Amino acid sequence: MIIKQLVNSTALWDAFNKELDERIAFAHKQLSQRDESLEIYRLQGELRALHSLKLLRDKVNGPRKEAR
């Protein structure tokens, strides 16, 4: 499964998260500059989707177990 390879490869996962962080920062910048409600809602949806992608590793592998 290709998604498992993405979330379990540290190099790929770090690069993916860096890209997500850049896109989140850009969307936040765009959000602060908009005043049309439709565009604001679209950007809020984009941010929600990007943040959910940051949780992909836990969704694929299950939640991390705490060390005891």
Protein backbone atom coordinates (compact mmCIF):
# COMPACT_ATOMS: atom_id res chain seq x y z
CA MET A 1 0.00 0.00 0.00
CA ILE A 2 1.54 3.31 -1.10
CA ILE A 3 0.02 5.36 1.75
CA LYS A 4 1.67 3.06 4.30
CA GLN A 5 5.01 3.68 2.59
CA LEU A 6 4.46 7.44 2.84
CA VAL A 7 3.56 7.48 6.53
CA ASN A 8 6.21 4.95 7.59
CA SER A 9 9.17 6.45 5.72
CA THR A 10 10.64 9.18 7.90
CA ALA A 11 12.17 11.07 4.98
CA LEU A 12 8.95 10.99 2.93
CA TRP A 13 6.76 11.84 5.92
CA ASP A 14 8.96 14.78 6.91
CA ALA A 15 8.94 16.14 3.35
CA PHE A 16 5.16 15.69 3.15
CA ASN A 17 4.67 17.53 6.45
CA LYS A 18 6.95 20.34 5.32
CA GLU A 19 4.84 20.76 2.18
CA LEU A 20 1.65 20.73 4.25
CA ASP A 21 3.09 23.36 6.62
CA GLU A 22 3.97 25.60 3.67
CA ARG A 23 0.49 25.24 2.21
CA ILE A 24 -1.11 25.92 5.61
CA ALA A 25 0.99 29.07 6.03
CA PHE A 26 0.02 30.25 2.55
CA ALA A 27 -3.68 29.57 3.18
CA HIS A 28 -3.50 31.50 6.48
CA LYS A 29 -1.93 34.43 4.65
CA GLN A 30 -4.65 34.32 2.00
CA LEU A 31 -7.33 34.06 4.68
CA SER A 32 -6.10 37.20 6.41
CA GLN A 33 -6.28 39.14 3.12
CA ARG A 34 -9.78 38.13 2.01
CA ASP A 35 -13.06 39.83 2.78
CA GLU A 36 -15.52 37.85 0.61
CA SER A 37 -17.37 35.33 2.76
CA LEU A 38 -17.39 32.63 0.05
CA GLU A 39 -13.61 32.83 -0.32
CA ILE A 40 -13.15 32.77 3.47
CA TYR A 41 -15.27 29.62 3.72
CA ARG A 42 -13.28 28.00 0.91
CA LEU A 43 -9.99 28.78 2.63
CA GLN A 44 -11.31 27.49 5.96
CA GLY A 45 -12.23 24.23 4.24
CA GLU A 46 -8.79 24.04 2.67
CA LEU A 47 -7.16 24.53 6.06
CA ARG A 48 -9.34 21.84 7.61
CA ALA A 49 -8.36 19.40 4.85
CA LEU A 50 -4.65 20.20 5.20
CA HIS A 51 -4.78 19.75 8.97
CA SER A 52 -6.55 16.41 8.56
CA LEU A 53 -3.75 15.25 6.23
CA LYS A 54 -1.27 15.93 9.04
CA LEU A 55 -3.15 13.27 11.05
CA LEU A 56 -2.87 10.70 8.25
CA ARG A 57 -0.08 8.71 9.95
CA ASP A 58 -2.23 8.06 13.03
CA LYS A 59 -5.22 7.13 10.91
CA VAL A 60 -3.23 4.62 8.84
CA ASN A 61 -1.16 3.14 11.67
CA GLY A 62 -3.57 3.65 14.53
CA PRO A 63 -2.90 5.89 17.51
CA ARG A 64 0.56 5.79 19.03
CA LYS A 65 0.91 3.77 22.19
CA GLU A 66 2.58 5.54 25.08
CA ALA A 67 5.77 4.04 26.48
CA ARG A 68 5.36 2.56 29.93
